N, C-alpha and C. Protein backbone atom coordinates (compact mmCIF):
# COMPACT_ATOMS: atom_id res chain seq x y z
N MET A 1 105.30 64.77 110.47
CA MET A 1 105.87 64.03 109.90
C MET A 1 105.17 63.35 108.52
N ALA A 2 103.70 63.17 109.06
CA ALA A 2 103.31 62.48 107.63
C ALA A 2 102.73 64.04 106.82
N GLN A 3 102.47 64.80 107.13
CA GLN A 3 102.32 66.02 106.59
C GLN A 3 103.60 66.32 106.16
N GLU A 4 104.63 65.81 106.19
CA GLU A 4 105.62 66.85 105.49
C GLU A 4 105.76 65.98 104.63
N LYS A 5 105.36 64.26 104.10
CA LYS A 5 105.86 63.24 103.47
C LYS A 5 104.31 63.77 102.24
N ARG A 6 103.36 64.14 103.13
CA ARG A 6 102.38 65.01 101.85
C ARG A 6 102.37 65.60 101.29
N ARG A 7 103.10 67.04 101.89
CA ARG A 7 103.46 68.57 101.23
C ARG A 7 104.73 67.38 99.74
N GLU A 8 104.98 66.52 100.94
CA GLU A 8 106.40 66.25 98.94
C GLU A 8 106.08 66.22 97.88
N HIS A 9 104.69 65.45 98.16
CA HIS A 9 103.91 64.83 96.70
C HIS A 9 102.70 65.54 96.38
N GLN A 10 103.06 66.96 96.63
CA GLN A 10 101.75 68.14 96.25
C GLN A 10 102.49 68.30 94.82
N GLU A 11 101.30 68.77 94.22
CA GLU A 11 101.78 69.47 92.96
C GLU A 11 102.16 71.00 93.63
N PRO A 12 102.92 71.98 92.24
CA PRO A 12 103.45 72.84 93.27
C PRO A 12 102.11 73.93 93.01
N ALA A 13 101.70 75.23 93.56
CA ALA A 13 100.55 75.47 93.68
C ALA A 13 101.06 76.82 92.04
N ASP A 14 99.92 77.07 90.97
CA ASP A 14 100.53 77.76 89.25
C ASP A 14 99.98 79.12 90.56
N GLU A 15 100.92 80.04 90.55
CA GLU A 15 101.16 81.16 91.00
C GLU A 15 100.54 82.52 90.35
N THR A 16 99.75 81.75 89.07
CA THR A 16 99.59 83.15 88.21
C THR A 16 97.96 82.62 88.11
N ARG A 17 97.03 81.64 88.80
CA ARG A 17 95.57 81.53 89.06
C ARG A 17 95.56 81.22 90.77
N GLY A 18 93.90 81.11 91.32
CA GLY A 18 94.48 80.78 91.99
C GLY A 18 94.51 81.48 93.48
N PRO A 19 94.49 81.26 94.56
CA PRO A 19 94.56 82.11 95.91
C PRO A 19 95.96 82.30 95.98
N ASN A 20 96.59 81.92 95.42
CA ASN A 20 98.01 82.21 95.57
C ASN A 20 98.50 83.25 94.64
N ASP A 21 97.79 83.87 93.54
CA ASP A 21 98.11 84.48 92.85
C ASP A 21 97.95 86.12 92.88
N GLU A 22 98.52 87.17 92.36
CA GLU A 22 98.74 88.37 92.70
C GLU A 22 97.17 88.95 93.13
N LEU A 23 96.58 89.01 92.05
CA LEU A 23 95.16 89.21 92.06
C LEU A 23 93.88 88.92 93.05
N SER A 24 94.51 88.20 93.66
CA SER A 24 94.02 87.59 94.71
C SER A 24 94.60 88.00 96.05
N ARG A 25 96.14 87.48 95.99
CA ARG A 25 96.45 88.53 96.93
C ARG A 25 96.28 89.82 97.30
N SER A 26 95.98 90.35 96.67
CA SER A 26 95.84 91.77 96.55
C SER A 26 93.81 92.25 96.83
N LEU A 27 92.91 91.14 96.48
CA LEU A 27 91.83 91.30 96.73
C LEU A 27 91.52 91.16 98.07
N ARG A 28 92.64 90.15 98.79
CA ARG A 28 92.42 89.23 100.28
C ARG A 28 92.87 90.72 101.27
N ASP A 29 93.75 91.79 100.52
CA ASP A 29 94.53 92.72 100.98
C ASP A 29 93.28 93.49 101.17
N VAL A 30 92.64 94.36 99.82
CA VAL A 30 91.60 94.82 99.71
C VAL A 30 90.51 94.61 100.89
N LEU A 31 90.01 92.95 100.91
CA LEU A 31 89.09 93.00 101.87
C LEU A 31 89.32 93.22 103.43
N THR A 32 90.84 93.10 103.92
CA THR A 32 91.60 93.08 105.09
C THR A 32 91.16 94.47 105.81
N LEU A 33 91.61 95.39 104.52
CA LEU A 33 91.29 96.80 104.66
C LEU A 33 90.48 96.87 104.96
N THR A 34 89.19 96.68 104.22
CA THR A 34 87.87 97.52 104.43
C THR A 34 87.31 97.12 105.65
N SER A 35 87.51 96.01 106.97
CA SER A 35 87.22 95.77 107.22
C SER A 35 87.76 96.59 108.30
N LEU A 36 89.05 96.66 108.64
CA LEU A 36 89.73 97.85 109.34
C LEU A 36 89.81 99.12 109.42
N VAL A 37 88.68 99.94 108.00
CA VAL A 37 88.20 100.99 107.94
C VAL A 37 87.21 100.73 108.38
N ARG A 38 86.03 99.72 108.47
CA ARG A 38 84.59 99.91 109.08
C ARG A 38 85.15 100.26 111.12
N VAL A 39 86.36 99.79 111.47
CA VAL A 39 86.38 99.81 113.09
C VAL A 39 86.53 100.89 113.07
N SER A 40 87.93 101.42 111.75
CA SER A 40 88.51 102.91 112.73
C SER A 40 87.14 104.24 112.16
N LEU A 41 86.47 103.93 111.33
CA LEU A 41 85.09 104.73 111.02
C LEU A 41 84.10 104.65 111.88
N GLY A 42 84.00 103.80 112.61
CA GLY A 42 83.77 103.21 114.19
C GLY A 42 83.98 104.03 115.15
N ARG A 43 85.04 104.34 115.43
CA ARG A 43 85.73 104.95 116.55
C ARG A 43 85.77 106.45 115.88
N ALA A 44 85.77 107.06 114.94
CA ALA A 44 85.71 108.14 114.76
C ALA A 44 84.44 108.90 113.97
N LEU A 45 83.42 107.48 114.56
CA LEU A 45 81.94 108.22 114.45
C LEU A 45 81.42 107.53 115.55
N GLN A 46 82.04 107.04 116.39
CA GLN A 46 81.70 106.66 117.91
C GLN A 46 80.50 105.79 117.65
N MET A 47 80.63 104.55 116.54
CA MET A 47 79.64 103.78 116.49
C MET A 47 80.32 102.79 116.33
N PRO A 48 79.45 101.90 116.86
CA PRO A 48 80.48 100.29 116.99
C PRO A 48 80.56 99.99 115.05
N ALA A 49 81.37 99.32 115.09
CA ALA A 49 81.87 98.76 113.71
C ALA A 49 80.37 98.47 112.55
N THR A 50 79.73 97.24 113.87
CA THR A 50 78.20 96.87 113.11
C THR A 50 77.37 97.84 112.91
N ASP A 51 77.45 99.00 113.37
CA ASP A 51 76.62 99.96 113.30
C ASP A 51 76.89 101.03 111.64
N VAL A 52 77.62 100.97 111.85
CA VAL A 52 78.83 101.55 110.75
C VAL A 52 78.57 100.17 109.26
N GLU A 53 78.73 99.01 109.53
CA GLU A 53 78.03 98.12 108.49
C GLU A 53 77.03 98.67 108.25
N ALA A 54 75.52 98.33 109.36
CA ALA A 54 74.54 98.74 108.67
C ALA A 54 74.03 99.70 108.00
N MET A 55 75.02 100.90 108.77
CA MET A 55 74.97 102.43 108.05
C MET A 55 74.52 102.10 106.66
N GLU A 56 75.78 101.79 106.20
CA GLU A 56 76.44 101.67 104.72
C GLU A 56 75.56 100.76 103.99
N HIS A 57 74.84 99.77 104.52
CA HIS A 57 74.08 99.15 103.83
C HIS A 57 73.01 99.69 103.76
N VAL A 58 71.77 100.47 104.36
CA VAL A 58 70.56 101.07 104.24
C VAL A 58 71.34 102.30 103.49
N MET A 59 72.69 102.93 103.33
CA MET A 59 72.98 103.89 102.23
C MET A 59 72.74 103.55 100.79
N MET A 60 73.78 102.39 100.56
CA MET A 60 73.70 101.55 99.57
C MET A 60 72.80 101.50 98.40
N ALA A 61 71.40 100.64 99.80
CA ALA A 61 70.22 100.23 98.95
C ALA A 61 69.56 101.25 98.64
N GLY A 62 69.39 102.43 99.30
CA GLY A 62 68.90 103.39 98.89
C GLY A 62 69.59 104.23 97.26
N ARG A 63 70.31 104.52 98.00
CA ARG A 63 71.70 104.73 96.27
C ARG A 63 71.10 103.94 95.14
N ALA A 64 70.68 103.01 95.02
CA ALA A 64 70.25 101.32 93.98
C ALA A 64 68.69 101.95 93.79
N GLY A 65 67.92 102.42 95.04
CA GLY A 65 66.71 102.71 94.70
C GLY A 65 66.02 101.65 94.94
N GLU A 66 66.81 100.33 96.12
CA GLU A 66 66.38 99.30 96.41
C GLU A 66 65.56 99.78 98.32
N THR A 67 64.92 99.48 98.19
CA THR A 67 63.96 99.32 100.05
C THR A 67 64.59 98.05 100.93
N LEU A 68 65.22 98.29 101.79
CA LEU A 68 65.83 97.92 102.93
C LEU A 68 64.83 97.60 104.18
N GLY A 69 64.31 96.51 105.07
CA GLY A 69 63.89 96.56 105.94
C GLY A 69 64.67 95.43 107.35
N PRO A 70 64.92 95.96 108.19
CA PRO A 70 65.03 95.07 109.36
C PRO A 70 65.86 93.32 109.02
N GLY A 71 64.56 93.06 108.97
CA GLY A 71 65.14 91.88 108.19
C GLY A 71 66.02 91.53 107.35
N GLU A 72 65.63 92.13 106.51
CA GLU A 72 67.12 92.00 105.26
C GLU A 72 68.57 92.68 105.54
N LEU A 73 68.05 93.52 106.74
CA LEU A 73 70.02 93.89 107.06
C LEU A 73 70.12 93.12 107.62
N ALA A 74 69.86 92.18 108.92
CA ALA A 74 69.65 91.37 109.05
C ALA A 74 70.45 90.13 108.62
N ARG A 75 70.26 89.80 107.26
CA ARG A 75 70.63 89.35 106.88
C ARG A 75 71.77 89.75 106.01
N ARG A 76 72.01 91.04 105.62
CA ARG A 76 73.41 91.29 105.16
C ARG A 76 74.16 91.28 105.99
N LEU A 77 74.02 91.98 107.09
CA LEU A 77 74.81 91.63 108.39
C LEU A 77 75.23 90.11 108.96
N GLY A 78 74.70 89.69 108.50
CA GLY A 78 74.93 87.97 108.86
C GLY A 78 74.60 87.62 110.44
N VAL A 79 73.68 88.86 111.43
CA VAL A 79 72.95 88.49 112.51
C VAL A 79 71.98 88.03 112.98
N THR A 80 71.24 87.76 113.88
CA THR A 80 70.05 87.32 113.86
C THR A 80 69.18 88.34 113.68
N SER A 81 67.66 88.32 113.51
CA SER A 81 66.56 89.62 113.59
C SER A 81 66.80 90.59 114.63
N ALA A 82 66.91 89.72 116.05
CA ALA A 82 66.41 90.48 117.20
C ALA A 82 67.85 91.33 117.04
N ALA A 83 69.47 90.80 116.35
CA ALA A 83 69.91 91.66 116.41
C ALA A 83 70.59 92.55 115.82
N ALA A 84 69.59 92.46 115.08
CA ALA A 84 69.54 93.72 113.97
C ALA A 84 68.70 94.27 114.38
N THR A 85 67.60 94.35 115.17
CA THR A 85 66.46 95.53 115.25
C THR A 85 67.22 95.91 116.79
N GLN A 86 67.82 95.49 117.58
CA GLN A 86 69.21 96.17 118.28
C GLN A 86 69.49 97.57 117.87
N THR A 87 69.89 97.19 116.55
CA THR A 87 70.92 98.30 115.93
C THR A 87 70.42 99.05 115.32
N VAL A 88 69.31 98.36 114.51
CA VAL A 88 68.27 99.38 114.20
C VAL A 88 67.57 100.69 115.31
N ASN A 89 67.40 99.99 116.75
CA ASN A 89 66.42 100.80 117.38
C ASN A 89 67.51 102.32 117.75
N ARG A 90 68.68 101.60 118.18
CA ARG A 90 69.48 102.04 118.82
C ARG A 90 70.13 103.63 117.44
N LEU A 91 70.38 103.43 116.38
CA LEU A 91 70.63 103.69 114.84
C LEU A 91 69.28 105.00 115.00
N VAL A 92 67.80 104.41 114.93
CA VAL A 92 66.90 105.06 115.01
C VAL A 92 66.84 106.58 116.39
N GLY A 93 66.92 105.45 117.29
CA GLY A 93 67.49 106.32 118.87
C GLY A 93 68.68 107.97 118.12
N GLU A 94 69.78 107.68 117.62
CA GLU A 94 70.82 108.34 117.61
C GLU A 94 70.03 109.35 116.22
N GLY A 95 69.45 109.17 115.93
CA GLY A 95 69.42 110.20 114.55
C GLY A 95 69.55 109.82 113.13
N HIS A 96 69.99 109.16 113.47
CA HIS A 96 70.68 108.23 111.86
C HIS A 96 69.92 107.53 111.10
N LEU A 97 68.88 106.62 111.72
CA LEU A 97 68.09 106.56 110.74
C LEU A 97 66.70 106.50 111.21
N THR A 98 65.71 106.26 109.80
CA THR A 98 64.44 105.74 110.22
C THR A 98 63.59 105.10 110.44
N ARG A 99 62.51 104.83 110.48
CA ARG A 99 61.69 103.33 110.45
C ARG A 99 60.56 103.99 109.63
N VAL A 100 59.66 103.03 108.50
CA VAL A 100 58.81 103.52 108.05
C VAL A 100 57.71 102.32 108.15
N ARG A 101 56.58 102.24 108.06
CA ARG A 101 56.14 101.03 107.77
C ARG A 101 55.85 101.11 105.88
N HIS A 102 56.28 100.20 105.30
CA HIS A 102 55.38 99.62 103.69
C HIS A 102 54.53 100.07 103.57
N THR A 103 54.10 101.26 102.53
CA THR A 103 52.72 101.51 102.41
C THR A 103 51.93 100.08 101.97
N GLY A 104 52.05 99.00 100.83
CA GLY A 104 51.65 98.33 100.62
C GLY A 104 51.47 97.11 101.53
N ASP A 105 52.27 97.22 102.88
CA ASP A 105 52.51 96.05 103.36
C ASP A 105 52.56 96.30 105.08
N GLY A 106 51.60 97.04 105.77
CA GLY A 106 51.84 97.74 106.76
C GLY A 106 52.44 96.69 108.00
N ARG A 107 53.19 95.70 107.70
CA ARG A 107 53.27 94.89 109.04
C ARG A 107 55.24 95.08 108.45
N ARG A 108 55.91 95.43 107.47
CA ARG A 108 56.36 95.42 106.39
C ARG A 108 57.91 97.13 107.07
N GLN A 109 58.81 97.11 107.52
CA GLN A 109 59.38 98.00 108.02
C GLN A 109 60.23 98.37 106.88
N LEU A 110 60.90 99.82 106.65
CA LEU A 110 61.82 100.34 105.34
C LEU A 110 62.16 101.54 106.38
N LEU A 111 63.92 100.75 106.05
CA LEU A 111 64.74 102.09 106.76
C LEU A 111 65.70 103.02 105.72
N GLY A 112 65.37 104.30 106.46
CA GLY A 112 66.27 104.79 105.62
C GLY A 112 67.06 106.27 106.48
N VAL A 113 68.09 106.73 105.93
CA VAL A 113 69.10 107.15 106.63
C VAL A 113 68.60 108.79 106.48
N THR A 114 68.27 109.24 107.47
CA THR A 114 68.51 110.73 107.86
C THR A 114 69.09 111.82 107.22
N GLY A 115 69.11 112.79 106.98
CA GLY A 115 69.69 113.88 106.53
C GLY A 115 71.01 113.73 107.43
N SER A 116 70.52 114.19 108.77
CA SER A 116 72.38 114.73 109.77
C SER A 116 72.84 113.11 109.55
N GLY A 117 72.40 112.06 109.70
CA GLY A 117 73.24 110.65 109.62
C GLY A 117 73.78 110.62 108.22
N ARG A 118 73.47 110.76 107.42
CA ARG A 118 74.44 110.54 106.05
C ARG A 118 75.32 111.72 106.44
N ARG A 119 75.05 113.03 106.61
CA ARG A 119 76.26 114.07 106.92
C ARG A 119 76.87 113.38 107.77
N HIS A 120 77.19 112.56 108.75
CA HIS A 120 77.72 112.25 110.47
C HIS A 120 78.86 111.02 109.53
N VAL A 121 77.82 110.08 108.35
CA VAL A 121 79.15 109.07 108.23
C VAL A 121 80.10 109.08 107.04
N MET A 122 79.09 110.59 106.31
CA MET A 122 79.89 111.25 104.55
C MET A 122 81.17 111.93 104.89
N GLY A 123 80.56 112.47 106.24
CA GLY A 123 82.12 113.47 106.83
C GLY A 123 82.65 112.74 106.78
N GLU A 124 83.20 111.40 107.93
CA GLU A 124 84.31 110.94 107.89
C GLU A 124 84.17 109.87 106.41
N LEU A 125 83.69 109.67 105.65
CA LEU A 125 84.01 108.76 104.19
C LEU A 125 84.70 109.66 102.98
N LEU A 126 84.11 111.02 102.76
CA LEU A 126 84.68 111.70 102.17
C LEU A 126 85.81 111.98 101.60
N PRO A 127 87.07 111.73 102.70
CA PRO A 127 88.61 111.27 102.64
C PRO A 127 89.08 110.47 102.03
N LEU A 128 87.89 109.23 102.56
CA LEU A 128 88.68 108.15 101.65
C LEU A 128 87.82 107.83 100.29
N PHE A 129 86.64 108.54 99.76
CA PHE A 129 86.53 108.61 98.53
C PHE A 129 87.22 108.94 97.57
N ALA A 130 87.98 109.97 98.19
CA ALA A 130 88.72 110.73 97.75
C ALA A 130 90.17 110.07 96.90
N LEU A 131 90.77 109.66 98.06
CA LEU A 131 91.77 108.75 97.89
C LEU A 131 91.46 107.60 97.07
N LEU A 132 90.25 107.18 96.93
CA LEU A 132 89.67 105.67 95.91
C LEU A 132 89.80 106.43 94.96
N ALA A 133 89.29 107.87 94.08
CA ALA A 133 89.44 108.28 92.83
C ALA A 133 90.36 108.86 92.19
N GLU A 134 91.69 109.40 93.66
CA GLU A 134 92.97 109.08 93.13
C GLU A 134 93.72 107.66 92.86
N ALA A 135 93.27 106.93 93.30
CA ALA A 135 93.80 105.37 93.16
C ALA A 135 93.39 105.20 91.45
N SER A 136 92.75 105.66 91.06
CA SER A 136 92.17 105.24 89.64
C SER A 136 92.14 105.93 88.69
N ALA A 137 92.48 107.16 88.61
CA ALA A 137 92.67 108.28 88.20
C ALA A 137 93.45 108.29 86.93
N ASP A 138 94.35 107.60 87.11
CA ASP A 138 95.60 107.65 85.73
C ASP A 138 95.18 106.19 84.88
N LEU A 139 94.10 105.82 85.55
CA LEU A 139 93.77 104.53 84.44
C LEU A 139 93.45 104.76 83.14
N SER A 140 93.81 104.31 81.95
CA SER A 140 93.28 104.27 81.32
C SER A 140 92.12 103.73 81.11
N PRO A 141 90.85 103.90 80.10
CA PRO A 141 90.13 103.27 80.06
C PRO A 141 89.98 101.78 79.24
N ALA A 142 91.23 101.54 78.80
CA ALA A 142 90.94 100.26 79.03
C ALA A 142 91.37 99.11 80.41
N GLU A 143 92.11 99.78 80.75
CA GLU A 143 92.68 99.62 82.21
C GLU A 143 91.63 99.57 83.05
N ARG A 144 90.55 100.50 83.03
CA ARG A 144 89.07 100.87 83.99
C ARG A 144 88.53 100.12 83.66
N ALA A 145 88.15 99.46 82.19
CA ALA A 145 87.48 98.32 81.74
C ALA A 145 88.02 97.10 82.09
N GLY A 146 89.25 96.59 82.51
CA GLY A 146 89.99 95.44 82.71
C GLY A 146 89.50 95.41 83.77
N ALA A 147 89.70 96.09 84.89
CA ALA A 147 89.64 96.17 86.05
C ALA A 147 87.69 95.99 86.75
N GLN A 148 87.22 96.62 86.04
CA GLN A 148 85.85 96.92 86.20
C GLN A 148 85.57 95.23 85.68
N ARG A 149 85.86 94.49 84.60
CA ARG A 149 85.36 93.56 84.60
C ARG A 149 86.31 92.10 85.69
N TYR A 150 86.68 92.75 86.46
CA TYR A 150 87.70 92.02 87.40
C TYR A 150 86.72 91.67 88.73
N LEU A 151 86.39 93.22 88.71
CA LEU A 151 85.53 93.33 90.54
C LEU A 151 84.37 92.84 89.92
N ASP A 152 83.69 92.41 88.76
CA ASP A 152 81.99 92.49 88.43
C ASP A 152 82.14 90.50 88.65
N ASN A 153 83.12 90.09 88.04
CA ASN A 153 83.46 88.59 88.18
C ASN A 153 83.49 88.22 89.74
N VAL A 154 84.50 89.18 90.21
CA VAL A 154 84.56 88.75 91.72
C VAL A 154 83.45 88.73 92.37
N ALA A 155 82.31 89.91 92.39
CA ALA A 155 80.85 89.93 92.97
C ALA A 155 80.17 88.78 92.49
N ASP A 156 80.40 88.20 90.77
CA ASP A 156 79.78 87.59 90.74
C ASP A 156 80.10 86.23 91.27
N ALA A 157 81.16 85.89 91.56
CA ALA A 157 81.61 84.50 91.95
C ALA A 157 81.55 84.28 94.08
N TYR A 158 81.19 85.83 94.03
CA TYR A 158 80.71 85.59 96.11
C TYR A 158 79.57 85.19 95.45
N ARG A 159 78.44 86.14 94.91
CA ARG A 159 76.80 85.60 94.87
C ARG A 159 77.04 84.01 94.13
N ALA A 160 77.84 83.07 93.45
CA ALA A 160 77.52 82.54 93.47
C ALA A 160 78.13 81.56 94.71
N PHE A 161 78.52 81.93 95.40
CA PHE A 161 79.21 81.06 96.47
C PHE A 161 78.06 81.13 97.38
N LEU A 162 77.47 82.29 98.10
CA LEU A 162 76.76 82.72 98.76
C LEU A 162 75.44 81.90 98.50
N ALA A 163 75.16 80.95 97.50
CA ALA A 163 73.65 81.06 96.87
C ALA A 163 73.62 79.35 97.15
N ARG A 164 74.64 79.00 97.37
CA ARG A 164 74.99 78.04 98.59
C ARG A 164 73.87 77.39 99.21
N ASP A 165 74.17 79.26 99.91
CA ASP A 165 73.49 79.05 101.44
C ASP A 165 72.06 80.10 101.19
N SER A 166 71.14 80.02 100.96
CA SER A 166 69.71 80.72 101.00
C SER A 166 69.92 81.93 101.85
N SER A 167 70.35 81.38 102.80
CA SER A 167 70.25 82.35 104.50
C SER A 167 71.04 83.74 103.62
N THR A 168 72.14 83.52 102.79
CA THR A 168 72.86 84.66 102.71
C THR A 168 73.03 85.27 101.50
N SER A 169 72.13 84.67 100.52
CA SER A 169 72.01 84.47 98.82
C SER A 169 72.12 85.94 98.88
N ALA A 170 72.99 86.49 98.10
CA ALA A 170 72.52 87.79 97.70
C ALA A 170 72.54 88.13 96.23
N GLN A 171 71.70 88.73 95.92
CA GLN A 171 71.28 88.95 94.37
C GLN A 171 72.30 89.79 93.46
């Protein structure tokens, strides 16, 4: 009953901005579907979803010209270093990842995706990439620029949120 009274006195939500606007709902849908795609990929690849996510992080880091070690992978996965080490050991053992010593700091290890690991994952991802390319194919340059600006702003908002917790902050 007290909750009903509180609801009566609340201002109505602005449906054009905030957590209930169409963009926010669509973003939540994409985030939920991304998680479901990882689970589906895991089934198709016969890998746990965490392994799929680990492969994704290592592949994306490599594509961006970054190096990624087990500690950074643990941070990105939101797991302990021991759990990340188990994931890395499993992926190395299955021939999907390589682990090499950092040339400047022999204590550090760097992760890389093997050719067979890349082919294994990309074989399942290529149909999704084709569908995503199709989804944006008919956007005008102005629409693409608007979508890019929105996605960049979302990424900046996520980084700002994560910066509050130094253990998960993202560059």
